Amino acid sequence: MDSEAAVWLVLFAAAVAANLPYFSHRVLLLGPLKRPKPVGWRLLELALLACLTLALGFALEAKIGQRHSQGWEFYGAALCLFITLGFPGFVWCYLRRGRHEA
């Protein structure tokens, strides 16, 4: 796998993972069904999926070549990107769909 394909794979995985907590009513995506799911669970799922996406990126980077150490700026930017990618799911869950279910 070349580096360009790895970048697109990580971006696609991040976009899917950032929206999963908003489209699933299961706790940690596997547990019991909760309607409505508390915001704390969604934030925990978002943090766990962000860590998994970051681990995927690190693994692909190590497979392609040498893994570089990152400073706090990288992690801050990655977190902001992950939250931004989850915006469509947030809008669907809290702004759009919540209005029609009431």
PDB file of N, CA and C in Angstrom:
ATOM      1  N   MET A   1       0.856  -1.173   0.000  1.00  0.00           N
ATOM      2  CA  MET A   1       0.000   0.000   0.000  1.00  0.00           C
ATOM      3  C   MET A   1       0.900   1.232   0.000  1.00  0.00           C
ATOM      4  N   ASP A   2       0.641   2.145  -0.925  1.00  0.00           N
ATOM      5  CA  ASP A   2       1.438   3.362  -0.966  1.00  0.00           C
ATOM      6  C   ASP A   2       0.909   4.378   0.045  1.00  0.00           C
ATOM      7  N   SER A   3       1.638   5.452   0.233  1.00  0.00           N
ATOM      8  CA  SER A   3       1.289   6.422   1.273  1.00  0.00           C
ATOM      9  C   SER A   3      -0.005   7.176   0.960  1.00  0.00           C
ATOM     10  N   GLU A   4      -0.286   7.423  -0.310  1.00  0.00           N
ATOM     11  CA  GLU A   4      -1.513   8.138  -0.655  1.00  0.00           C
ATOM     12  C   GLU A   4      -2.757   7.307  -0.322  1.00  0.00           C
ATOM     13  N   ALA A   5      -2.710   6.032  -0.614  1.00  0.00           N
ATOM     14  CA  ALA A   5      -3.829   5.150  -0.284  1.00  0.00           C
ATOM     15  C   ALA A   5      -4.000   5.034   1.233  1.00  0.00           C
ATOM     16  N   ALA A   6      -2.901   5.017   1.964  1.00  0.00           N
ATOM     17  CA  ALA A   6      -2.982   4.950   3.424  1.00  0.00           C
ATOM     18  C   ALA A   6      -3.629   6.204   3.998  1.00  0.00           C
ATOM     19  N   VAL A   7      -3.306   7.348   3.449  1.00  0.00           N
ATOM     20  CA  VAL A   7      -3.906   8.603   3.921  1.00  0.00           C
ATOM     21  C   VAL A   7      -5.407   8.588   3.684  1.00  0.00           C
ATOM     22  N   TRP A   8      -5.830   8.172   2.490  1.00  0.00           N
ATOM     23  CA  TRP A   8      -7.256   8.134   2.190  1.00  0.00           C
ATOM     24  C   TRP A   8      -7.985   7.101   3.046  1.00  0.00           C
ATOM     25  N   LEU A   9      -7.328   5.989   3.327  1.00  0.00           N
ATOM     26  CA  LEU A   9      -7.929   4.970   4.187  1.00  0.00           C
ATOM     27  C   LEU A   9      -8.140   5.497   5.603  1.00  0.00           C
ATOM     28  N   VAL A  10      -7.154   6.192   6.143  1.00  0.00           N
ATOM     29  CA  VAL A  10      -7.282   6.748   7.496  1.00  0.00           C
ATOM     30  C   VAL A  10      -8.352   7.837   7.522  1.00  0.00           C
ATOM     31  N   LEU A  11      -8.407   8.685   6.511  1.00  0.00           N
ATOM     32  CA  LEU A  11      -9.446   9.726   6.475  1.00  0.00           C
ATOM     33  C   LEU A  11     -10.847   9.131   6.372  1.00  0.00           C
ATOM     34  N   PHE A  12     -11.004   8.089   5.555  1.00  0.00           N
ATOM     35  CA  PHE A  12     -12.306   7.435   5.443  1.00  0.00           C
ATOM     36  C   PHE A  12     -12.697   6.765   6.753  1.00  0.00           C
ATOM     37  N   ALA A  13     -11.737   6.073   7.372  1.00  0.00           N
ATOM     38  CA  ALA A  13     -12.004   5.425   8.666  1.00  0.00           C
ATOM     39  C   ALA A  13     -12.354   6.459   9.730  1.00  0.00           C
ATOM     40  N   ALA A  14     -11.678   7.605   9.710  1.00  0.00           N
ATOM     41  CA  ALA A  14     -11.968   8.659  10.683  1.00  0.00           C
ATOM     42  C   ALA A  14     -13.365   9.237  10.465  1.00  0.00           C
ATOM     43  N   ALA A  15     -13.761   9.437   9.222  1.00  0.00           N
ATOM     44  CA  ALA A  15     -15.096   9.981   8.941  1.00  0.00           C
ATOM     45  C   ALA A  15     -16.187   9.016   9.393  1.00  0.00           C
ATOM     46  N   VAL A  16     -15.994   7.746   9.156  1.00  0.00           N
ATOM     47  CA  VAL A  16     -16.984   6.752   9.592  1.00  0.00           C
ATOM     48  C   VAL A  16     -17.002   6.645  11.110  1.00  0.00           C
ATOM     49  N   ALA A  17     -15.821   6.567  11.718  1.00  0.00           N
ATOM     50  CA  ALA A  17     -15.728   6.402  13.169  1.00  0.00           C
ATOM     51  C   ALA A  17     -16.256   7.623  13.916  1.00  0.00           C
ATOM     52  N   ALA A  18     -16.069   8.812  13.373  1.00  0.00           N
ATOM     53  CA  ALA A  18     -16.538  10.022  14.043  1.00  0.00           C
ATOM     54  C   ALA A  18     -18.059  10.121  14.050  1.00  0.00           C
ATOM     55  N   ASN A  19     -18.718   9.467  13.118  1.00  0.00           N
ATOM     56  CA  ASN A  19     -20.177   9.520  13.042  1.00  0.00           C
ATOM     57  C   ASN A  19     -20.867   8.326  13.691  1.00  0.00           C
ATOM     58  N   LEU A  20     -20.153   7.252  13.966  1.00  0.00           N
ATOM     59  CA  LEU A  20     -20.767   6.055  14.543  1.00  0.00           C
ATOM     60  C   LEU A  20     -21.483   6.293  15.872  1.00  0.00           C
ATOM     61  N   PRO A  21     -20.931   7.050  16.812  1.00  0.00           N
ATOM     62  CA  PRO A  21     -21.643   7.224  18.088  1.00  0.00           C
ATOM     63  C   PRO A  21     -23.007   7.903  17.935  1.00  0.00           C
ATOM     64  N   TYR A  22     -23.179   8.689  16.912  1.00  0.00           N
ATOM     65  CA  TYR A  22     -24.435   9.421  16.732  1.00  0.00           C
ATOM     66  C   TYR A  22     -25.508   8.598  16.039  1.00  0.00           C
ATOM     67  N   PHE A  23     -25.119   7.595  15.274  1.00  0.00           N
ATOM     68  CA  PHE A  23     -26.096   6.800  14.541  1.00  0.00           C
ATOM     69  C   PHE A  23     -26.460   5.497  15.242  1.00  0.00           C
ATOM     70  N   SER A  24     -25.752   5.162  16.307  1.00  0.00           N
ATOM     71  CA  SER A  24     -26.027   3.935  17.034  1.00  0.00           C
ATOM     72  C   SER A  24     -26.606   4.256  18.406  1.00  0.00           C
ATOM     73  N   HIS A  25     -27.631   3.518  18.824  1.00  0.00           N
ATOM     74  CA  HIS A  25     -28.219   3.693  20.151  1.00  0.00           C
ATOM     75  C   HIS A  25     -27.712   2.644  21.127  1.00  0.00           C
ATOM     76  N   ARG A  26     -26.692   1.894  20.744  1.00  0.00           N
ATOM     77  CA  ARG A  26     -26.115   0.879  21.623  1.00  0.00           C
ATOM     78  C   ARG A  26     -24.924   1.470  22.372  1.00  0.00           C
ATOM     79  N   VAL A  27     -24.770   1.071  23.623  1.00  0.00           N
ATOM     80  CA  VAL A  27     -23.663   1.543  24.442  1.00  0.00           C
ATOM     81  C   VAL A  27     -22.381   0.893  23.950  1.00  0.00           C
ATOM     82  N   LEU A  28     -21.384   1.700  23.654  1.00  0.00           N
ATOM     83  CA  LEU A  28     -20.104   1.260  23.095  1.00  0.00           C
ATOM     84  C   LEU A  28     -20.286   0.425  21.830  1.00  0.00           C
ATOM     85  N   LEU A  29     -21.310   0.690  21.087  1.00  0.00           N
ATOM     86  CA  LEU A  29     -21.647   0.087  19.800  1.00  0.00           C
ATOM     87  C   LEU A  29     -21.986  -1.397  19.867  1.00  0.00           C
ATOM     88  N   LEU A  30     -21.840  -2.041  21.024  1.00  0.00           N
ATOM     89  CA  LEU A  30     -22.134  -3.466  21.150  1.00  0.00           C
ATOM     90  C   LEU A  30     -23.074  -3.769  22.297  1.00  0.00           C
ATOM     91  N   GLY A  31     -23.157  -2.898  23.277  1.00  0.00           N
ATOM     92  CA  GLY A  31     -23.892  -3.157  24.499  1.00  0.00           C
ATOM     93  C   GLY A  31     -25.397  -3.050  24.331  1.00  0.00           C
ATOM     94  N   PRO A  32     -26.089  -2.872  25.456  1.00  0.00           N
ATOM     95  CA  PRO A  32     -27.556  -2.826  25.408  1.00  0.00           C
ATOM     96  C   PRO A  32     -28.069  -1.575  24.700  1.00  0.00           C
ATOM     97  N   LEU A  33     -29.267  -1.710  24.179  1.00  0.00           N
ATOM     98  CA  LEU A  33     -29.918  -0.621  23.468  1.00  0.00           C
ATOM     99  C   LEU A  33     -30.443   0.393  24.475  1.00  0.00           C
ATOM    100  N   LYS A  34     -30.071   1.647  24.324  1.00  0.00           N
ATOM    101  CA  LYS A  34     -30.528   2.727  25.209  1.00  0.00           C
ATOM    102  C   LYS A  34     -31.161   3.811  24.354  1.00  0.00           C
ATOM    103  N   ARG A  35     -32.373   4.159  24.674  1.00  0.00           N
ATOM    104  CA  ARG A  35     -33.052   5.273  23.986  1.00  0.00           C
ATOM    105  C   ARG A  35     -33.521   6.252  25.018  1.00  0.00           C
ATOM    106  N   PRO A  36     -33.157   7.455  25.057  1.00  0.00           N
ATOM    107  CA  PRO A  36     -32.019   8.032  24.333  1.00  0.00           C
ATOM    108  C   PRO A  36     -30.716   7.710  25.035  1.00  0.00           C
ATOM    109  N   LYS A  37     -29.669   7.596  24.271  1.00  0.00           N
ATOM    110  CA  LYS A  37     -28.345   7.291  24.826  1.00  0.00           C
ATOM    111  C   LYS A  37     -27.780   8.571  25.434  1.00  0.00           C
ATOM    112  N   PRO A  38     -27.293   8.517  26.676  1.00  0.00           N
ATOM    113  CA  PRO A  38     -26.757   9.729  27.313  1.00  0.00           C
ATOM    114  C   PRO A  38     -25.552  10.300  26.564  1.00  0.00           C
ATOM    115  N   VAL A  39     -25.377  11.596  26.694  1.00  0.00           N
ATOM    116  CA  VAL A  39     -24.294  12.292  26.004  1.00  0.00           C
ATOM    117  C   VAL A  39     -22.927  11.786  26.473  1.00  0.00           C
ATOM    118  N   GLY A  40     -22.824  11.418  27.744  1.00  0.00           N
ATOM    119  CA  GLY A  40     -21.556  10.915  28.256  1.00  0.00           C
ATOM    120  C   GLY A  40     -21.081   9.667  27.535  1.00  0.00           C
ATOM    121  N   TRP A  41     -22.004   8.771  27.222  1.00  0.00           N
ATOM    122  CA  TRP A  41     -21.635   7.572  26.473  1.00  0.00           C
ATOM    123  C   TRP A  41     -21.171   7.929  25.074  1.00  0.00           C
ATOM    124  N   ARG A  42     -21.841   8.902  24.459  1.00  0.00           N
ATOM    125  CA  ARG A  42     -21.436   9.308  23.106  1.00  0.00           C
ATOM    126  C   ARG A  42     -20.035   9.906  23.120  1.00  0.00           C
ATOM    127  N   LEU A  43     -19.728  10.708  24.134  1.00  0.00           N
ATOM    128  CA  LEU A  43     -18.394  11.295  24.223  1.00  0.00           C
ATOM    129  C   LEU A  43     -17.331  10.235  24.481  1.00  0.00           C
ATOM    130  N   LEU A  44     -17.651   9.250  25.318  1.00  0.00           N
ATOM    131  CA  LEU A  44     -16.715   8.162  25.569  1.00  0.00           C
ATOM    132  C   LEU A  44     -16.468   7.353  24.299  1.00  0.00           C
ATOM    133  N   GLU A  45     -17.528   7.052  23.577  1.00  0.00           N
ATOM    134  CA  GLU A  45     -17.380   6.329  22.314  1.00  0.00           C
ATOM    135  C   GLU A  45     -16.561   7.142  21.319  1.00  0.00           C
ATOM    136  N   LEU A  46     -16.809   8.450  21.271  1.00  0.00           N
ATOM    137  CA  LEU A  46     -16.064   9.316  20.363  1.00  0.00           C
ATOM    138  C   LEU A  46     -14.577   9.296  20.703  1.00  0.00           C
ATOM    139  N   ALA A  47     -14.238   9.357  21.993  1.00  0.00           N
ATOM    140  CA  ALA A  47     -12.834   9.325  22.410  1.00  0.00           C
ATOM    141  C   ALA A  47     -12.186   7.979  22.085  1.00  0.00           C
ATOM    142  N   LEU A  48     -12.896   6.886  22.340  1.00  0.00           N
ATOM    143  CA  LEU A  48     -12.345   5.560  22.040  1.00  0.00           C
ATOM    144  C   LEU A  48     -12.141   5.357  20.539  1.00  0.00           C
ATOM    145  N   LEU A  49     -13.098   5.800  19.745  1.00  0.00           N
ATOM    146  CA  LEU A  49     -12.960   5.652  18.298  1.00  0.00           C
ATOM    147  C   LEU A  49     -11.864   6.558  17.745  1.00  0.00           C
ATOM    148  N   ALA A  50     -11.670   7.719  18.365  1.00  0.00           N
ATOM    149  CA  ALA A  50     -10.557   8.586  17.952  1.00  0.00           C
ATOM    150  C   ALA A  50      -9.224   7.909  18.232  1.00  0.00           C
ATOM    151  N   CYS A  51      -9.112   7.253  19.378  1.00  0.00           N
ATOM    152  CA  CYS A  51      -7.874   6.528  19.709  1.00  0.00           C
ATOM    153  C   CYS A  51      -7.646   5.368  18.751  1.00  0.00           C
ATOM    154  N   LEU A  52      -8.706   4.653  18.389  1.00  0.00           N
ATOM    155  CA  LEU A  52      -8.568   3.544  17.439  1.00  0.00           C
ATOM    156  C   LEU A  52      -8.162   4.043  16.053  1.00  0.00           C
ATOM    157  N   THR A  53      -8.709   5.158  15.632  1.00  0.00           N
ATOM    158  CA  THR A  53      -8.345   5.727  14.338  1.00  0.00           C
ATOM    159  C   THR A  53      -6.894   6.186  14.347  1.00  0.00           C
ATOM    160  N   LEU A  54      -6.477   6.783  15.452  1.00  0.00           N
ATOM    161  CA  LEU A  54      -5.084   7.208  15.593  1.00  0.00           C
ATOM    162  C   LEU A  54      -4.149   5.995  15.562  1.00  0.00           C
ATOM    163  N   ALA A  55      -4.556   4.914  16.210  1.00  0.00           N
ATOM    164  CA  ALA A  55      -3.747   3.688  16.192  1.00  0.00           C
ATOM    165  C   ALA A  55      -3.653   3.108  14.776  1.00  0.00           C
ATOM    166  N   LEU A  56      -4.746   3.170  14.023  1.00  0.00           N
ATOM    167  CA  LEU A  56      -4.713   2.728  12.631  1.00  0.00           C
ATOM    168  C   LEU A  56      -3.725   3.555  11.829  1.00  0.00           C
ATOM    169  N   GLY A  57      -3.761   4.859  12.020  1.00  0.00           N
ATOM    170  CA  GLY A  57      -2.820   5.732  11.318  1.00  0.00           C
ATOM    171  C   GLY A  57      -1.375   5.433  11.680  1.00  0.00           C
ATOM    172  N   PHE A  58      -1.120   5.222  12.973  1.00  0.00           N
ATOM    173  CA  PHE A  58       0.234   4.887  13.405  1.00  0.00           C
ATOM    174  C   PHE A  58       0.687   3.555  12.823  1.00  0.00           C
ATOM    175  N   ALA A  59      -0.207   2.579  12.785  1.00  0.00           N
ATOM    176  CA  ALA A  59       0.144   1.263  12.239  1.00  0.00           C
ATOM    177  C   ALA A  59       0.455   1.354  10.749  1.00  0.00           C
ATOM    178  N   LEU A  60      -0.346   2.103  10.010  1.00  0.00           N
ATOM    179  CA  LEU A  60      -0.081   2.247   8.578  1.00  0.00           C
ATOM    180  C   LEU A  60       1.207   3.016   8.332  1.00  0.00           C
ATOM    181  N   GLU A  61       1.472   4.019   9.169  1.00  0.00           N
ATOM    182  CA  GLU A  61       2.706   4.781   9.023  1.00  0.00           C
ATOM    183  C   GLU A  61       3.927   3.898   9.304  1.00  0.00           C
ATOM    184  N   ALA A  62       3.823   3.050  10.312  1.00  0.00           N
ATOM    185  CA  ALA A  62       4.930   2.145  10.629  1.00  0.00           C
ATOM    186  C   ALA A  62       5.129   1.103   9.532  1.00  0.00           C
ATOM    187  N   LYS A  63       4.014   0.683   8.899  1.00  0.00           N
ATOM    188  CA  LYS A  63       4.120  -0.308   7.826  1.00  0.00           C
ATOM    189  C   LYS A  63       4.775   0.289   6.579  1.00  0.00           C
ATOM    190  N   ILE A  64       4.455   1.546   6.298  1.00  0.00           N
ATOM    191  CA  ILE A  64       5.005   2.196   5.104  1.00  0.00           C
ATOM    192  C   ILE A  64       6.482   2.535   5.291  1.00  0.00           C
ATOM    193  N   GLY A  65       6.813   3.018   6.462  1.00  0.00           N
ATOM    194  CA  GLY A  65       8.203   3.420   6.707  1.00  0.00           C
ATOM    195  C   GLY A  65       8.404   3.696   8.174  1.00  0.00           C
ATOM    196  N   GLN A  66       9.290   4.599   8.457  1.00  0.00           N
ATOM    197  CA  GLN A  66       9.606   4.927   9.841  1.00  0.00           C
ATOM    198  C   GLN A  66       8.516   5.802  10.452  1.00  0.00           C
ATOM    199  N   ARG A  67       8.084   5.443  11.663  1.00  0.00           N
ATOM    200  CA  ARG A  67       7.071   6.226  12.372  1.00  0.00           C
ATOM    201  C   ARG A  67       7.740   7.408  13.043  1.00  0.00           C
ATOM    202  N   HIS A  68       7.175   8.598  12.839  1.00  0.00           N
ATOM    203  CA  HIS A  68       7.736   9.831  13.386  1.00  0.00           C
ATOM    204  C   HIS A  68       7.064  10.174  14.704  1.00  0.00           C
ATOM    205  N   SER A  69       7.832  10.733  15.621  1.00  0.00           N
ATOM    206  CA  SER A  69       7.232  11.189  16.882  1.00  0.00           C
ATOM    207  C   SER A  69       6.488  12.500  16.631  1.00  0.00           C
ATOM    208  N   GLN A  70       5.407  12.702  17.377  1.00  0.00           N
ATOM    209  CA  GLN A  70       4.559  13.877  17.183  1.00  0.00           C
ATOM    210  C   GLN A  70       4.500  14.682  18.465  1.00  0.00           C
ATOM    211  N   GLY A  71       4.315  15.977  18.323  1.00  0.00           N
ATOM    212  CA  GLY A  71       4.153  16.858  19.465  1.00  0.00           C
ATOM    213  C   GLY A  71       2.680  17.045  19.788  1.00  0.00           C
ATOM    214  N   TRP A  72       2.396  17.866  20.780  1.00  0.00           N
ATOM    215  CA  TRP A  72       1.015  18.081  21.199  1.00  0.00           C
ATOM    216  C   TRP A  72       0.194  18.749  20.110  1.00  0.00           C
ATOM    217  N   GLU A  73       0.852  19.506  19.225  1.00  0.00           N
ATOM    218  CA  GLU A  73       0.125  20.201  18.154  1.00  0.00           C
ATOM    219  C   GLU A  73      -0.556  19.214  17.215  1.00  0.00           C
ATOM    220  N   PHE A  74       0.129  18.105  16.927  1.00  0.00           N
ATOM    221  CA  PHE A  74      -0.442  17.084  16.053  1.00  0.00           C
ATOM    222  C   PHE A  74      -1.700  16.495  16.669  1.00  0.00           C
ATOM    223  N   TYR A  75      -1.634  16.166  17.953  1.00  0.00           N
ATOM    224  CA  TYR A  75      -2.781  15.539  18.608  1.00  0.00           C
ATOM    225  C   TYR A  75      -3.942  16.518  18.737  1.00  0.00           C
ATOM    226  N   GLY A  76      -3.649  17.785  18.972  1.00  0.00           N
ATOM    227  CA  GLY A  76      -4.709  18.794  19.013  1.00  0.00           C
ATOM    228  C   GLY A  76      -5.400  18.955  17.668  1.00  0.00           C
ATOM    229  N   ALA A  77      -4.604  18.999  16.604  1.00  0.00           N
ATOM    230  CA  ALA A  77      -5.177  19.126  15.259  1.00  0.00           C
ATOM    231  C   ALA A  77      -5.957  17.866  14.878  1.00  0.00           C
ATOM    232  N   ALA A  78      -5.448  16.691  15.243  1.00  0.00           N
ATOM    233  CA  ALA A  78      -6.144  15.442  14.934  1.00  0.00           C
ATOM    234  C   ALA A  78      -7.479  15.368  15.669  1.00  0.00           C
ATOM    235  N   LEU A  79      -7.511  15.806  16.917  1.00  0.00           N
ATOM    236  CA  LEU A  79      -8.765  15.815  17.676  1.00  0.00           C
ATOM    237  C   LEU A  79      -9.775  16.779  17.061  1.00  0.00           C
ATOM    238  N   CYS A  80      -9.318  17.961  16.679  1.00  0.00           N
ATOM    239  CA  CYS A  80     -10.219  18.929  16.031  1.00  0.00           C
ATOM    240  C   CYS A  80     -10.751  18.394  14.708  1.00  0.00           C
ATOM    241  N   LEU A  81      -9.911  17.734  13.928  1.00  0.00           N
ATOM    242  CA  LEU A  81     -10.353  17.137  12.665  1.00  0.00           C
ATOM    243  C   LEU A  81     -11.369  16.039  12.915  1.00  0.00           C
ATOM    244  N   PHE A  82     -11.134  15.207  13.928  1.00  0.00           N
ATOM    245  CA  PHE A  82     -12.052  14.117  14.233  1.00  0.00           C
ATOM    246  C   PHE A  82     -13.416  14.657  14.659  1.00  0.00           C
ATOM    247  N   ILE A  83     -13.435  15.685  15.484  1.00  0.00           N
ATOM    248  CA  ILE A  83     -14.697  16.291  15.921  1.00  0.00           C
ATOM    249  C   ILE A  83     -15.410  16.935  14.740  1.00  0.00           C
ATOM    250  N   THR A  84     -14.656  17.581  13.861  1.00  0.00           N
ATOM    251  CA  THR A  84     -15.256  18.204  12.677  1.00  0.00           C
ATOM    252  C   THR A  84     -15.857  17.156  11.745  1.00  0.00           C
ATOM    253  N   LEU A  85     -15.182  16.025  11.590  1.00  0.00           N
ATOM    254  CA  LEU A  85     -15.715  14.962  10.745  1.00  0.00           C
ATOM    255  C   LEU A  85     -17.004  14.370  11.316  1.00  0.00           C
ATOM    256  N   GLY A  86     -17.193  14.461  12.629  1.00  0.00           N
ATOM    257  CA  GLY A  86     -18.401  13.940  13.259  1.00  0.00           C
ATOM    258  C   GLY A  86     -19.568  14.903  13.253  1.00  0.00           C
ATOM    259  N   PHE A  87     -19.404  16.079  12.667  1.00  0.00           N
ATOM    260  CA  PHE A  87     -20.475  17.077  12.674  1.00  0.00           C
ATOM    261  C   PHE A  87     -21.749  16.618  11.973  1.00  0.00           C
ATOM    262  N   PRO A  88     -21.693  15.929  10.826  1.00  0.00           N
ATOM    263  CA  PRO A  88     -22.948  15.470  10.215  1.00  0.00           C
ATOM    264  C   PRO A  88     -23.754  14.542  11.121  1.00  0.00           C
ATOM    265  N   GLY A  89     -23.094  13.653  11.824  1.00  0.00           N
ATOM    266  CA  GLY A  89     -23.804  12.772  12.754  1.00  0.00           C
ATOM    267  C   GLY A  89     -24.400  13.539  13.919  1.00  0.00           C
ATOM    268  N   PHE A  90     -23.688  14.537  14.420  1.00  0.00           N
ATOM    269  CA  PHE A  90     -24.195  15.368  15.503  1.00  0.00           C
ATOM    270  C   PHE A  90     -25.456  16.108  15.067  1.00  0.00           C
ATOM    271  N   VAL A  91     -25.420  16.679  13.873  1.00  0.00           N
ATOM    272  CA  VAL A  91     -26.590  17.407  13.356  1.00  0.00           C
ATOM    273  C   VAL A  91     -27.762  16.460  13.205  1.00  0.00           C
ATOM    274  N   TRP A  92     -27.522  15.264  12.677  1.00  0.00           N
ATOM    275  CA  TRP A  92     -28.600  14.293  12.485  1.00  0.00           C
ATOM    276  C   TRP A  92     -29.193  13.864  13.819  1.00  0.00           C
ATOM    277  N   CYS A  93     -28.343  13.619  14.798  1.00  0.00           N
ATOM    278  CA  CYS A  93     -28.789  13.074  16.078  1.00  0.00           C
ATOM    279  C   CYS A  93     -29.498  14.116  16.930  1.00  0.00           C
ATOM    280  N   TYR A  94     -28.932  15.310  17.033  1.00  0.00           N
ATOM    281  CA  TYR A  94     -29.444  16.284  17.995  1.00  0.00           C
ATOM    282  C   TYR A  94     -30.262  17.409  17.373  1.00  0.00           C
ATOM    283  N   LEU A  95     -29.966  17.808  16.174  1.00  0.00           N
ATOM    284  CA  LEU A  95     -30.667  18.944  15.596  1.00  0.00           C
ATOM    285  C   LEU A  95     -31.786  18.537  14.643  1.00  0.00           C
ATOM    286  N   ARG A  96     -31.542  17.602  13.778  1.00  0.00           N
ATOM    287  CA  ARG A  96     -32.533  17.234  12.767  1.00  0.00           C
ATOM    288  C   ARG A  96     -33.510  16.180  13.271  1.00  0.00           C
ATOM    289  N   ARG A  97     -33.002  15.040  13.686  1.00  0.00           N
ATOM    290  CA  ARG A  97     -33.871  13.931  14.050  1.00  0.00           C
ATOM    291  C   ARG A  97     -34.589  14.164  15.385  1.00  0.00           C
ATOM    292  N   GLY A  98     -33.953  14.830  16.322  1.00  0.00           N
ATOM    293  CA  GLY A  98     -34.570  15.083  17.607  1.00  0.00           C
ATOM    294  C   GLY A  98     -35.843  15.906  17.507  1.00  0.00           C
ATOM    295  N   ARG A  99     -35.891  16.776  16.542  1.00  0.00           N
ATOM    296  CA  ARG A  99     -37.062  17.621  16.332  1.00  0.00           C
ATOM    297  C   ARG A  99     -38.242  16.811  15.812  1.00  0.00           C
ATOM    298  N   HIS A 100     -37.974  15.811  14.996  1.00  0.00           N
ATOM    299  CA  HIS A 100     -39.066  15.032  14.391  1.00  0.00           C
ATOM    300  C   HIS A 100     -39.573  13.907  15.294  1.00  0.00           C
ATOM    301  N   GLU A 101     -38.743  13.476  16.265  1.00  0.00           N
ATOM    302  CA  GLU A 101     -39.178  12.396  17.156  1.00  0.00           C
ATOM    303  C   GLU A 101     -40.096  12.891  18.263  1.00  0.00           C
ATOM    304  N   ALA A 102     -40.046  14.169  18.578  1.00  0.00           N
ATOM    305  CA  ALA A 102     -40.846  14.701  19.682  1.00  0.00           C
ATOM    306  C   ALA A 102     -42.309  14.841  19.363  1.00  0.00           C
TER     307      ALA A 102
END
